[in-house]
Amino acid sequence: MSQQSDRAELKKSFLTSIEGLGDRVTGLGDFIFENPEPAYKEFKTSAEMVAFLIEHGFKVETGIAGLQTAFRATVGSGTPVIALLAEMDALPELGHACGHNIVGAASVGAASALSSVLD
């Protein structure tokens, strides 16, 4: 099989995986939107994101960098090594006018989809 066809198959598998997660990712984004929490106090949001990642096979370390709501989720080994940032804080008195509810949900959704297609 050629490298190009390998990439096409990987892309197809990823898109199928992300489509399968669509309702769950949208639900997570809605939950974050409906429960706005300011920076460093995203306790509900962090817990939901961690639960999502554990549900999809990730090992999660919480309290990263001395922040109660920060976490590192890992799965697999070797290469490639891929890192995604999942912002989740809301703006004081405005809620998620910043879109972090979408950023956070999309990041954990993408991580979960990638983990299902990469070793």
PDB file of N, CA and C in Angstrom:
ATOM      1  N   MET A   1       0.853  -1.181   0.000  1.00  0.00           N
ATOM      2  CA  MET A   1       0.000   0.000   0.000  1.00  0.00           C
ATOM      3  C   MET A   1       0.894   1.237   0.000  1.00  0.00           C
ATOM      4  N   SER A   2       0.537   2.230  -0.775  1.00  0.00           N
ATOM      5  CA  SER A   2       1.351   3.435  -0.869  1.00  0.00           C
ATOM      6  C   SER A   2       1.143   4.325   0.339  1.00  0.00           C
ATOM      7  N   GLN A   3       2.096   5.233   0.544  1.00  0.00           N
ATOM      8  CA  GLN A   3       2.002   6.180   1.648  1.00  0.00           C
ATOM      9  C   GLN A   3       0.756   7.062   1.484  1.00  0.00           C
ATOM     10  N   GLN A   4       0.447   7.446   0.253  1.00  0.00           N
ATOM     11  CA  GLN A   4      -0.715   8.283  -0.003  1.00  0.00           C
ATOM     12  C   GLN A   4      -2.007   7.543   0.355  1.00  0.00           C
ATOM     13  N   SER A   5      -2.110   6.274  -0.013  1.00  0.00           N
ATOM     14  CA  SER A   5      -3.323   5.524   0.316  1.00  0.00           C
ATOM     15  C   SER A   5      -3.397   5.252   1.819  1.00  0.00           C
ATOM     16  N   ASP A   6      -2.244   5.079   2.485  1.00  0.00           N
ATOM     17  CA  ASP A   6      -2.231   4.940   3.943  1.00  0.00           C
ATOM     18  C   ASP A   6      -2.790   6.199   4.601  1.00  0.00           C
ATOM     19  N   ARG A   7      -2.365   7.361   4.123  1.00  0.00           N
ATOM     20  CA  ARG A   7      -2.861   8.631   4.667  1.00  0.00           C
ATOM     21  C   ARG A   7      -4.354   8.791   4.420  1.00  0.00           C
ATOM     22  N   ALA A   8      -4.802   8.423   3.238  1.00  0.00           N
ATOM     23  CA  ALA A   8      -6.225   8.532   2.906  1.00  0.00           C
ATOM     24  C   ALA A   8      -7.051   7.632   3.820  1.00  0.00           C
ATOM     25  N   GLU A   9      -6.559   6.431   4.073  1.00  0.00           N
ATOM     26  CA  GLU A   9      -7.265   5.502   4.957  1.00  0.00           C
ATOM     27  C   GLU A   9      -7.270   6.008   6.392  1.00  0.00           C
ATOM     28  N   LEU A  10      -6.152   6.570   6.846  1.00  0.00           N
ATOM     29  CA  LEU A  10      -6.068   7.148   8.190  1.00  0.00           C
ATOM     30  C   LEU A  10      -7.053   8.308   8.327  1.00  0.00           C
ATOM     31  N   LYS A  11      -7.106   9.177   7.323  1.00  0.00           N
ATOM     32  CA  LYS A  11      -8.032  10.309   7.350  1.00  0.00           C
ATOM     33  C   LYS A  11      -9.476   9.816   7.388  1.00  0.00           C
ATOM     34  N   LYS A  12      -9.793   8.828   6.579  1.00  0.00           N
ATOM     35  CA  LYS A  12     -11.146   8.272   6.557  1.00  0.00           C
ATOM     36  C   LYS A  12     -11.503   7.690   7.927  1.00  0.00           C
ATOM     37  N   SER A  13     -10.589   6.967   8.528  1.00  0.00           N
ATOM     38  CA  SER A  13     -10.828   6.374   9.848  1.00  0.00           C
ATOM     39  C   SER A  13     -11.024   7.452  10.907  1.00  0.00           C
ATOM     40  N   PHE A  14     -10.210   8.508  10.844  1.00  0.00           N
ATOM     41  CA  PHE A  14     -10.338   9.607  11.799  1.00  0.00           C
ATOM     42  C   PHE A  14     -11.699  10.279  11.661  1.00  0.00           C
ATOM     43  N   LEU A  15     -12.101  10.590  10.435  1.00  0.00           N
ATOM     44  CA  LEU A  15     -13.383  11.263  10.212  1.00  0.00           C
ATOM     45  C   LEU A  15     -14.555  10.396  10.676  1.00  0.00           C
ATOM     46  N   THR A  16     -14.466   9.098  10.458  1.00  0.00           N
ATOM     47  CA  THR A  16     -15.506   8.188  10.944  1.00  0.00           C
ATOM     48  C   THR A  16     -15.558   8.209  12.461  1.00  0.00           C
ATOM     49  N   SER A  17     -14.388   8.207  13.092  1.00  0.00           N
ATOM     50  CA  SER A  17     -14.320   8.233  14.547  1.00  0.00           C
ATOM     51  C   SER A  17     -14.889   9.528  15.111  1.00  0.00           C
ATOM     52  N   ILE A  18     -14.508  10.661  14.539  1.00  0.00           N
ATOM     53  CA  ILE A  18     -14.979  11.950  15.055  1.00  0.00           C
ATOM     54  C   ILE A  18     -16.485  12.091  14.834  1.00  0.00           C
ATOM     55  N   GLU A  19     -16.993  11.577  13.720  1.00  0.00           N
ATOM     56  CA  GLU A  19     -18.440  11.620  13.495  1.00  0.00           C
ATOM     57  C   GLU A  19     -19.173  10.797  14.552  1.00  0.00           C
ATOM     58  N   GLY A  20     -18.601   9.678  14.932  1.00  0.00           N
ATOM     59  CA  GLY A  20     -19.198   8.841  15.964  1.00  0.00           C
ATOM     60  C   GLY A  20     -19.215   9.495  17.338  1.00  0.00           C
ATOM     61  N   LEU A  21     -18.305  10.418  17.556  1.00  0.00           N
ATOM     62  CA  LEU A  21     -18.231  11.134  18.832  1.00  0.00           C
ATOM     63  C   LEU A  21     -19.035  12.427  18.834  1.00  0.00           C
ATOM     64  N   GLY A  22     -19.614  12.785  17.708  1.00  0.00           N
ATOM     65  CA  GLY A  22     -20.251  14.084  17.539  1.00  0.00           C
ATOM     66  C   GLY A  22     -21.238  14.465  18.629  1.00  0.00           C
ATOM     67  N   ASP A  23     -22.190  13.588  18.922  1.00  0.00           N
ATOM     68  CA  ASP A  23     -23.190  13.919  19.934  1.00  0.00           C
ATOM     69  C   ASP A  23     -22.556  14.086  21.314  1.00  0.00           C
ATOM     70  N   ARG A  24     -21.597  13.241  21.621  1.00  0.00           N
ATOM     71  CA  ARG A  24     -20.944  13.310  22.943  1.00  0.00           C
ATOM     72  C   ARG A  24     -20.104  14.586  23.061  1.00  0.00           C
ATOM     73  N   VAL A  25     -19.398  14.955  22.014  1.00  0.00           N
ATOM     74  CA  VAL A  25     -18.587  16.182  22.021  1.00  0.00           C
ATOM     75  C   VAL A  25     -19.487  17.409  22.104  1.00  0.00           C
ATOM     76  N   THR A  26     -20.573  17.395  21.333  1.00  0.00           N
ATOM     77  CA  THR A  26     -21.523  18.512  21.394  1.00  0.00           C
ATOM     78  C   THR A  26     -22.127  18.618  22.789  1.00  0.00           C
ATOM     79  N   GLY A  27     -22.465  17.488  23.379  1.00  0.00           N
ATOM     80  CA  GLY A  27     -23.004  17.487  24.735  1.00  0.00           C
ATOM     81  C   GLY A  27     -22.021  18.041  25.744  1.00  0.00           C
ATOM     82  N   LEU A  28     -20.751  17.705  25.582  1.00  0.00           N
ATOM     83  CA  LEU A  28     -19.713  18.235  26.467  1.00  0.00           C
ATOM     84  C   LEU A  28     -19.608  19.746  26.304  1.00  0.00           C
ATOM     85  N   GLY A  29     -19.599  20.215  25.066  1.00  0.00           N
ATOM     86  CA  GLY A  29     -19.544  21.658  24.817  1.00  0.00           C
ATOM     87  C   GLY A  29     -20.738  22.377  25.413  1.00  0.00           C
ATOM     88  N   ASP A  30     -21.912  21.774  25.311  1.00  0.00           N
ATOM     89  CA  ASP A  30     -23.117  22.365  25.904  1.00  0.00           C
ATOM     90  C   ASP A  30     -23.005  22.408  27.426  1.00  0.00           C
ATOM     91  N   PHE A  31     -22.499  21.322  28.019  1.00  0.00           N
ATOM     92  CA  PHE A  31     -22.329  21.289  29.472  1.00  0.00           C
ATOM     93  C   PHE A  31     -21.395  22.410  29.932  1.00  0.00           C
ATOM     94  N   ILE A  32     -20.279  22.563  29.228  1.00  0.00           N
ATOM     95  CA  ILE A  32     -19.320  23.607  29.597  1.00  0.00           C
ATOM     96  C   ILE A  32     -19.965  24.986  29.461  1.00  0.00           C
ATOM     97  N   PHE A  33     -20.704  25.189  28.380  1.00  0.00           N
ATOM     98  CA  PHE A  33     -21.379  26.472  28.156  1.00  0.00           C
ATOM     99  C   PHE A  33     -22.381  26.775  29.278  1.00  0.00           C
ATOM    100  N   GLU A  34     -23.118  25.768  29.693  1.00  0.00           N
ATOM    101  CA  GLU A  34     -24.161  25.940  30.706  1.00  0.00           C
ATOM    102  C   GLU A  34     -23.618  26.027  32.131  1.00  0.00           C
ATOM    103  N   ASN A  35     -22.345  25.739  32.298  1.00  0.00           N
ATOM    104  CA  ASN A  35     -21.706  25.780  33.623  1.00  0.00           C
ATOM    105  C   ASN A  35     -20.440  26.620  33.572  1.00  0.00           C
ATOM    106  N   PRO A  36     -20.555  27.910  33.246  1.00  0.00           N
ATOM    107  CA  PRO A  36     -19.354  28.747  33.107  1.00  0.00           C
ATOM    108  C   PRO A  36     -18.607  28.884  34.431  1.00  0.00           C
ATOM    109  N   GLU A  37     -17.305  28.704  34.351  1.00  0.00           N
ATOM    110  CA  GLU A  37     -16.447  28.819  35.533  1.00  0.00           C
ATOM    111  C   GLU A  37     -15.241  29.680  35.171  1.00  0.00           C
ATOM    112  N   PRO A  38     -14.868  30.605  36.047  1.00  0.00           N
ATOM    113  CA  PRO A  38     -13.730  31.482  35.734  1.00  0.00           C
ATOM    114  C   PRO A  38     -12.398  30.732  35.795  1.00  0.00           C
ATOM    115  N   ALA A  39     -11.382  31.383  35.292  1.00  0.00           N
ATOM    116  CA  ALA A  39     -10.034  30.802  35.250  1.00  0.00           C
ATOM    117  C   ALA A  39      -9.616  30.258  36.607  1.00  0.00           C
ATOM    118  N   TYR A  40      -9.007  29.102  36.581  1.00  0.00           N
ATOM    119  CA  TYR A  40      -8.474  28.401  37.749  1.00  0.00           C
ATOM    120  C   TYR A  40      -9.555  27.860  38.674  1.00  0.00           C
ATOM    121  N   LYS A  41     -10.824  27.982  38.279  1.00  0.00           N
ATOM    122  CA  LYS A  41     -11.926  27.467  39.097  1.00  0.00           C
ATOM    123  C   LYS A  41     -12.880  26.619  38.247  1.00  0.00           C
ATOM    124  N   GLU A  42     -12.352  25.988  37.212  1.00  0.00           N
ATOM    125  CA  GLU A  42     -13.170  25.197  36.286  1.00  0.00           C
ATOM    126  C   GLU A  42     -13.324  23.771  36.796  1.00  0.00           C
ATOM    127  N   PHE A  43     -13.840  23.610  38.007  1.00  0.00           N
ATOM    128  CA  PHE A  43     -13.900  22.304  38.652  1.00  0.00           C
ATOM    129  C   PHE A  43     -14.874  21.355  37.964  1.00  0.00           C
ATOM    130  N   LYS A  44     -16.087  21.798  37.662  1.00  0.00           N
ATOM    131  CA  LYS A  44     -17.064  20.947  36.971  1.00  0.00           C
ATOM    132  C   LYS A  44     -16.587  20.631  35.562  1.00  0.00           C
ATOM    133  N   THR A  45     -16.114  21.656  34.885  1.00  0.00           N
ATOM    134  CA  THR A  45     -15.653  21.491  33.507  1.00  0.00           C
ATOM    135  C   THR A  45     -14.495  20.520  33.426  1.00  0.00           C
ATOM    136  N   SER A  46     -13.507  20.711  34.280  1.00  0.00           N
ATOM    137  CA  SER A  46     -12.340  19.837  34.294  1.00  0.00           C
ATOM    138  C   SER A  46     -12.758  18.395  34.570  1.00  0.00           C
ATOM    139  N   ALA A  47     -13.642  18.206  35.532  1.00  0.00           N
ATOM    140  CA  ALA A  47     -14.099  16.855  35.877  1.00  0.00           C
ATOM    141  C   ALA A  47     -14.800  16.187  34.692  1.00  0.00           C
ATOM    142  N   GLU A  48     -15.621  16.936  33.954  1.00  0.00           N
ATOM    143  CA  GLU A  48     -16.314  16.377  32.787  1.00  0.00           C
ATOM    144  C   GLU A  48     -15.327  16.018  31.673  1.00  0.00           C
ATOM    145  N   MET A  49     -14.354  16.888  31.454  1.00  0.00           N
ATOM    146  CA  MET A  49     -13.367  16.618  30.408  1.00  0.00           C
ATOM    147  C   MET A  49     -12.520  15.406  30.776  1.00  0.00           C
ATOM    148  N   VAL A  50     -12.114  15.322  32.038  1.00  0.00           N
ATOM    149  CA  VAL A  50     -11.325  14.178  32.508  1.00  0.00           C
ATOM    150  C   VAL A  50     -12.134  12.891  32.342  1.00  0.00           C
ATOM    151  N   ALA A  51     -13.408  12.908  32.736  1.00  0.00           N
ATOM    152  CA  ALA A  51     -14.258  11.720  32.610  1.00  0.00           C
ATOM    153  C   ALA A  51     -14.380  11.288  31.145  1.00  0.00           C
ATOM    154  N   PHE A  52     -14.534  12.253  30.246  1.00  0.00           N
ATOM    155  CA  PHE A  52     -14.624  11.964  28.817  1.00  0.00           C
ATOM    156  C   PHE A  52     -13.360  11.241  28.345  1.00  0.00           C
ATOM    157  N   LEU A  53     -12.217  11.779  28.732  1.00  0.00           N
ATOM    158  CA  LEU A  53     -10.946  11.200  28.287  1.00  0.00           C
ATOM    159  C   LEU A  53     -10.711   9.812  28.886  1.00  0.00           C
ATOM    160  N   ILE A  54     -11.031   9.633  30.145  1.00  0.00           N
ATOM    161  CA  ILE A  54     -10.892   8.307  30.770  1.00  0.00           C
ATOM    162  C   ILE A  54     -11.802   7.309  30.063  1.00  0.00           C
ATOM    163  N   GLU A  55     -13.016   7.729  29.760  1.00  0.00           N
ATOM    164  CA  GLU A  55     -13.976   6.887  29.038  1.00  0.00           C
ATOM    165  C   GLU A  55     -13.407   6.417  27.700  1.00  0.00           C
ATOM    166  N   HIS A  56     -12.510   7.211  27.127  1.00  0.00           N
ATOM    167  CA  HIS A  56     -11.921   6.865  25.834  1.00  0.00           C
ATOM    168  C   HIS A  56     -10.500   6.320  25.952  1.00  0.00           C
ATOM    169  N   GLY A  57     -10.167   5.814  27.134  1.00  0.00           N
ATOM    170  CA  GLY A  57      -8.921   5.067  27.293  1.00  0.00           C
ATOM    171  C   GLY A  57      -7.694   5.854  27.692  1.00  0.00           C
ATOM    172  N   PHE A  58      -7.835   7.120  28.043  1.00  0.00           N
ATOM    173  CA  PHE A  58      -6.689   7.932  28.426  1.00  0.00           C
ATOM    174  C   PHE A  58      -6.343   7.732  29.898  1.00  0.00           C
ATOM    175  N   LYS A  59      -5.076   7.834  30.195  1.00  0.00           N
ATOM    176  CA  LYS A  59      -4.600   7.915  31.571  1.00  0.00           C
ATOM    177  C   LYS A  59      -4.532   9.411  31.878  1.00  0.00           C
ATOM    178  N   VAL A  60      -5.144   9.838  32.964  1.00  0.00           N
ATOM    179  CA  VAL A  60      -5.231  11.261  33.259  1.00  0.00           C
ATOM    180  C   VAL A  60      -4.565  11.570  34.592  1.00  0.00           C
ATOM    181  N   GLU A  61      -3.687  12.555  34.552  1.00  0.00           N
ATOM    182  CA  GLU A  61      -3.046  13.085  35.762  1.00  0.00           C
ATOM    183  C   GLU A  61      -3.655  14.456  36.024  1.00  0.00           C
ATOM    184  N   THR A  62      -4.154  14.668  37.222  1.00  0.00           N
ATOM    185  CA  THR A  62      -4.759  15.955  37.558  1.00  0.00           C
ATOM    186  C   THR A  62      -3.816  16.770  38.432  1.00  0.00           C
ATOM    187  N   GLY A  63      -4.137  18.043  38.580  1.00  0.00           N
ATOM    188  CA  GLY A  63      -3.321  18.930  39.408  1.00  0.00           C
ATOM    189  C   GLY A  63      -1.976  19.265  38.779  1.00  0.00           C
ATOM    190  N   ILE A  64      -1.909  19.268  37.473  1.00  0.00           N
ATOM    191  CA  ILE A  64      -0.666  19.545  36.751  1.00  0.00           C
ATOM    192  C   ILE A  64      -0.234  20.998  36.991  1.00  0.00           C
ATOM    193  N   ALA A  65       1.053  21.210  37.135  1.00  0.00           N
ATOM    194  CA  ALA A  65       1.652  22.542  37.297  1.00  0.00           C
ATOM    195  C   ALA A  65       1.092  23.289  38.505  1.00  0.00           C
ATOM    196  N   GLY A  66       0.669  22.526  39.496  1.00  0.00           N
ATOM    197  CA  GLY A  66       0.163  23.141  40.709  1.00  0.00           C
ATOM    198  C   GLY A  66      -1.224  23.747  40.578  1.00  0.00           C
ATOM    199  N   LEU A  67      -1.913  23.459  39.485  1.00  0.00           N
ATOM    200  CA  LEU A  67      -3.268  23.984  39.259  1.00  0.00           C
ATOM    201  C   LEU A  67      -4.274  22.860  39.459  1.00  0.00           C
ATOM    202  N   GLN A  68      -5.224  23.044  40.341  1.00  0.00           N
ATOM    203  CA  GLN A  68      -6.194  22.003  40.651  1.00  0.00           C
ATOM    204  C   GLN A  68      -6.996  21.549  39.441  1.00  0.00           C
ATOM    205  N   THR A  69      -7.269  22.443  38.516  1.00  0.00           N
ATOM    206  CA  THR A  69      -8.120  22.104  37.374  1.00  0.00           C
ATOM    207  C   THR A  69      -7.337  21.687  36.127  1.00  0.00           C
ATOM    208  N   ALA A  70      -6.021  21.791  36.180  1.00  0.00           N
ATOM    209  CA  ALA A  70      -5.205  21.411  35.022  1.00  0.00           C
ATOM    210  C   ALA A  70      -5.000  19.894  35.015  1.00  0.00           C
ATOM    211  N   PHE A  71      -4.880  19.334  33.833  1.00  0.00           N
ATOM    212  CA  PHE A  71      -4.650  17.895  33.729  1.00  0.00           C
ATOM    213  C   PHE A  71      -3.824  17.585  32.486  1.00  0.00           C
ATOM    214  N   ARG A  72      -3.230  16.400  32.515  1.00  0.00           N
ATOM    215  CA  ARG A  72      -2.501  15.863  31.357  1.00  0.00           C
ATOM    216  C   ARG A  72      -3.109  14.497  31.074  1.00  0.00           C
ATOM    217  N   ALA A  73      -3.553  14.298  29.854  1.00  0.00           N
ATOM    218  CA  ALA A  73      -4.132  13.022  29.451  1.00  0.00           C
ATOM    219  C   ALA A  73      -3.215  12.381  28.421  1.00  0.00           C
ATOM    220  N   THR A  74      -2.872  11.130  28.646  1.00  0.00           N
ATOM    221  CA  THR A  74      -1.972  10.432  27.727  1.00  0.00           C
ATOM    222  C   THR A  74      -2.567   9.084  27.337  1.00  0.00           C
ATOM    223  N   VAL A  75      -2.186   8.660  26.149  1.00  0.00           N
ATOM    224  CA  VAL A  75      -2.596   7.358  25.648  1.00  0.00           C
ATOM    225  C   VAL A  75      -1.537   6.905  24.651  1.00  0.00           C
ATOM    226  N   GLY A  76      -1.259   5.630  24.627  1.00  0.00           N
ATOM    227  CA  GLY A  76      -0.295   5.103  23.671  1.00  0.00           C
ATOM    228  C   GLY A  76       1.137   5.425  24.032  1.00  0.00           C
ATOM    229  N   SER A  77       2.034   5.126  23.071  1.00  0.00           N
ATOM    230  CA  SER A  77       3.455   5.394  23.261  1.00  0.00           C
ATOM    231  C   SER A  77       4.110   5.529  21.893  1.00  0.00           C
ATOM    232  N   GLY A  78       5.327   5.985  21.909  1.00  0.00           N
ATOM    233  CA  GLY A  78       6.059   6.123  20.651  1.00  0.00           C
ATOM    234  C   GLY A  78       5.709   7.409  19.924  1.00  0.00           C
ATOM    235  N   THR A  79       5.815   7.339  18.603  1.00  0.00           N
ATOM    236  CA  THR A  79       5.548   8.516  17.788  1.00  0.00           C
ATOM    237  C   THR A  79       4.353   8.244  16.892  1.00  0.00           C
ATOM    238  N   PRO A  80       3.659   9.250  16.475  1.00  0.00           N
ATOM    239  CA  PRO A  80       3.919  10.657  16.766  1.00  0.00           C
ATOM    240  C   PRO A  80       3.458  11.026  18.177  1.00  0.00           C
ATOM    241  N   VAL A  81       4.046  12.075  18.705  1.00  0.00           N
ATOM    242  CA  VAL A  81       3.598  12.662  19.965  1.00  0.00           C
ATOM    243  C   VAL A  81       2.789  13.896  19.595  1.00  0.00           C
ATOM    244  N   ILE A  82       1.553  13.915  20.021  1.00  0.00           N
ATOM    245  CA  ILE A  82       0.639  15.004  19.663  1.00  0.00           C
ATOM    246  C   ILE A  82       0.121  15.636  20.943  1.00  0.00           C
ATOM    247  N   ALA A  83       0.161  16.946  21.015  1.00  0.00           N
ATOM    248  CA  ALA A  83      -0.360  17.668  22.179  1.00  0.00           C
ATOM    249  C   ALA A  83      -1.480  18.596  21.724  1.00  0.00           C
ATOM    250  N   LEU A  84      -2.544  18.636  22.511  1.00  0.00           N
ATOM    251  CA  LEU A  84      -3.669  19.526  22.226  1.00  0.00           C
ATOM    252  C   LEU A  84      -3.958  20.342  23.479  1.00  0.00           C
ATOM    253  N   LEU A  85      -4.228  21.602  23.299  1.00  0.00           N
ATOM    254  CA  LEU A  85      -4.583  22.495  24.398  1.00  0.00           C
ATOM    255  C   LEU A  85      -6.099  22.555  24.483  1.00  0.00           C
ATOM    256  N   ALA A  86      -6.620  22.393  25.686  1.00  0.00           N
ATOM    257  CA  ALA A  86      -8.072  22.416  25.880  1.00  0.00           C
ATOM    258  C   ALA A  86      -8.436  23.531  26.847  1.00  0.00           C
ATOM    259  N   GLU A  87      -8.625  24.732  26.338  1.00  0.00           N
ATOM    260  CA  GLU A  87      -9.024  25.845  27.205  1.00  0.00           C
ATOM    261  C   GLU A  87     -10.467  25.642  27.641  1.00  0.00           C
ATOM    262  N   MET A  88     -10.768  26.084  28.860  1.00  0.00           N
ATOM    263  CA  MET A  88     -12.101  25.808  29.388  1.00  0.00           C
ATOM    264  C   MET A  88     -12.662  26.896  30.279  1.00  0.00           C
ATOM    265  N   ASP A  89     -11.916  27.964  30.523  1.00  0.00           N
ATOM    266  CA  ASP A  89     -12.408  29.015  31.421  1.00  0.00           C
ATOM    267  C   ASP A  89     -13.395  29.938  30.718  1.00  0.00           C
ATOM    268  N   ALA A  90     -14.266  30.529  31.541  1.00  0.00           N
ATOM    269  CA  ALA A  90     -15.260  31.487  31.049  1.00  0.00           C
ATOM    270  C   ALA A  90     -14.853  32.894  31.461  1.00  0.00           C
ATOM    271  N   LEU A  91     -15.436  33.867  30.806  1.00  0.00           N
ATOM    272  CA  LEU A  91     -15.176  35.267  31.141  1.00  0.00           C
ATOM    273  C   LEU A  91     -16.077  35.701  32.297  1.00  0.00           C
ATOM    274  N   PRO A  92     -15.515  36.403  33.270  1.00  0.00           N
ATOM    275  CA  PRO A  92     -16.345  36.874  34.391  1.00  0.00           C
ATOM    276  C   PRO A  92     -17.533  37.693  33.872  1.00  0.00           C
ATOM    277  N   GLU A  93     -18.705  37.385  34.385  1.00  0.00           N
ATOM    278  CA  GLU A  93     -19.954  38.082  34.083  1.00  0.00           C
ATOM    279  C   GLU A  93     -20.439  37.915  32.636  1.00  0.00           C
ATOM    280  N   LEU A  94     -19.662  37.278  31.777  1.00  0.00           N
ATOM    281  CA  LEU A  94     -20.069  37.079  30.380  1.00  0.00           C
ATOM    282  C   LEU A  94     -20.280  35.614  30.031  1.00  0.00           C
ATOM    283  N   GLY A  95     -19.695  34.728  30.795  1.00  0.00           N
ATOM    284  CA  GLY A  95     -19.778  33.312  30.463  1.00  0.00           C
ATOM    285  C   GLY A  95     -18.839  32.961  29.317  1.00  0.00           C
ATOM    286  N   HIS A  96     -19.312  32.111  28.430  1.00  0.00           N
ATOM    287  CA  HIS A  96     -18.444  31.610  27.362  1.00  0.00           C
ATOM    288  C   HIS A  96     -18.549  32.420  26.077  1.00  0.00           C
ATOM    289  N   ALA A  97     -18.496  33.730  26.205  1.00  0.00           N
ATOM    290  CA  ALA A  97     -18.434  34.602  25.030  1.00  0.00           C
ATOM    291  C   ALA A  97     -17.106  34.400  24.296  1.00  0.00           C
ATOM    292  N   CYS A  98     -16.155  33.767  24.963  1.00  0.00           N
ATOM    293  CA  CYS A  98     -14.823  33.524  24.407  1.00  0.00           C
ATOM    294  C   CYS A  98     -14.769  32.265  23.542  1.00  0.00           C
ATOM    295  N   GLY A  99     -15.763  31.399  23.662  1.00  0.00           N
ATOM    296  CA  GLY A  99     -15.779  30.171  22.879  1.00  0.00           C
ATOM    297  C   GLY A  99     -14.963  29.034  23.453  1.00  0.00           C
ATOM    298  N   HIS A 100     -14.481  29.163  24.677  1.00  0.00           N
ATOM    299  CA  HIS A 100     -13.680  28.092  25.255  1.00  0.00           C
ATOM    300  C   HIS A 100     -14.491  26.822  25.474  1.00  0.00           C
ATOM    301  N   ASN A 101     -15.809  26.930  25.556  1.00  0.00           N
ATOM    302  CA  ASN A 101     -16.631  25.724  25.635  1.00  0.00           C
ATOM    303  C   ASN A 101     -16.459  24.884  24.371  1.00  0.00           C
ATOM    304  N   ILE A 102     -16.303  25.552  23.240  1.00  0.00           N
ATOM    305  CA  ILE A 102     -16.105  24.848  21.972  1.00  0.00           C
ATOM    306  C   ILE A 102     -14.667  24.343  21.873  1.00  0.00           C
ATOM    307  N   VAL A 103     -13.716  25.185  22.246  1.00  0.00           N
ATOM    308  CA  VAL A 103     -12.295  24.808  22.178  1.00  0.00           C
ATOM    309  C   VAL A 103     -12.021  23.586  23.045  1.00  0.00           C
ATOM    310  N   GLY A 104     -12.511  23.620  24.274  1.00  0.00           N
ATOM    311  CA  GLY A 104     -12.271  22.504  25.189  1.00  0.00           C
ATOM    312  C   GLY A 104     -12.883  21.212  24.702  1.00  0.00           C
ATOM    313  N   ALA A 105     -14.151  21.266  24.308  1.00  0.00           N
ATOM    314  CA  ALA A 105     -14.834  20.062  23.831  1.00  0.00           C
ATOM    315  C   ALA A 105     -14.194  19.537  22.546  1.00  0.00           C
ATOM    316  N   ALA A 106     -13.857  20.429  21.634  1.00  0.00           N
ATOM    317  CA  ALA A 106     -13.238  20.006  20.371  1.00  0.00           C
ATOM    318  C   ALA A 106     -11.877  19.369  20.603  1.00  0.00           C
ATOM    319  N   SER A 107     -11.122  19.881  21.555  1.00  0.00           N
ATOM    320  CA  SER A 107      -9.799  19.328  21.833  1.00  0.00           C
ATOM    321  C   SER A 107      -9.880  17.908  22.380  1.00  0.00           C
ATOM    322  N   VAL A 108     -10.772  17.677  23.347  1.00  0.00           N
ATOM    323  CA  VAL A 108     -10.860  16.313  23.886  1.00  0.00           C
ATOM    324  C   VAL A 108     -11.510  15.380  22.869  1.00  0.00           C
ATOM    325  N   GLY A 109     -12.414  15.894  22.045  1.00  0.00           N
ATOM    326  CA  GLY A 109     -12.978  15.069  20.979  1.00  0.00           C
ATOM    327  C   GLY A 109     -11.930  14.673  19.953  1.00  0.00           C
ATOM    328  N   ALA A 110     -11.119  15.635  19.552  1.00  0.00           N
ATOM    329  CA  ALA A 110     -10.052  15.340  18.580  1.00  0.00           C
ATOM    330  C   ALA A 110      -9.045  14.357  19.155  1.00  0.00           C
ATOM    331  N   ALA A 111      -8.694  14.542  20.427  1.00  0.00           N
ATOM    332  CA  ALA A 111      -7.743  13.615  21.070  1.00  0.00           C
ATOM    333  C   ALA A 111      -8.306  12.208  21.091  1.00  0.00           C
ATOM    334  N   SER A 112      -9.581  12.088  21.422  1.00  0.00           N
ATOM    335  CA  SER A 112     -10.207  10.755  21.481  1.00  0.00           C
ATOM    336  C   SER A 112     -10.276  10.118  20.104  1.00  0.00           C
ATOM    337  N   ALA A 113     -10.630  10.897  19.085  1.00  0.00           N
ATOM    338  CA  ALA A 113     -10.687  10.365  17.725  1.00  0.00           C
ATOM    339  C   ALA A 113      -9.300   9.950  17.247  1.00  0.00           C
ATOM    340  N   LEU A 114      -8.298  10.785  17.518  1.00  0.00           N
ATOM    341  CA  LEU A 114      -6.934  10.429  17.121  1.00  0.00           C
ATOM    342  C   LEU A 114      -6.463   9.149  17.802  1.00  0.00           C
ATOM    343  N   SER A 115      -6.792   9.016  19.080  1.00  0.00           N
ATOM    344  CA  SER A 115      -6.335   7.829  19.801  1.00  0.00           C
ATOM    345  C   SER A 115      -6.963   6.546  19.253  1.00  0.00           C
ATOM    346  N   SER A 116      -8.111   6.680  18.615  1.00  0.00           N
ATOM    347  CA  SER A 116      -8.758   5.485  18.069  1.00  0.00           C
ATOM    348  C   SER A 116      -8.165   5.052  16.731  1.00  0.00           C
ATOM    349  N   VAL A 117      -7.409   5.926  16.079  1.00  0.00           N
ATOM    350  CA  VAL A 117      -6.850   5.580  14.768  1.00  0.00           C
ATOM    351  C   VAL A 117      -5.332   5.464  14.764  1.00  0.00           C
ATOM    352  N   LEU A 118      -4.677   5.952  15.817  1.00  0.00           N
ATOM    353  CA  LEU A 118      -3.217   5.827  15.897  1.00  0.00           C
ATOM    354  C   LEU A 118      -2.860   4.823  16.982  1.00  0.00           C
ATOM    355  N   ASP A 119      -1.804   4.069  16.775  1.00  0.00           N
ATOM    356  CA  ASP A 119      -1.361   3.107  17.797  1.00  0.00           C
ATOM    357  C   ASP A 119      -0.746   3.806  18.964  1.00  0.00           C
TER     358      ASP A 119
END
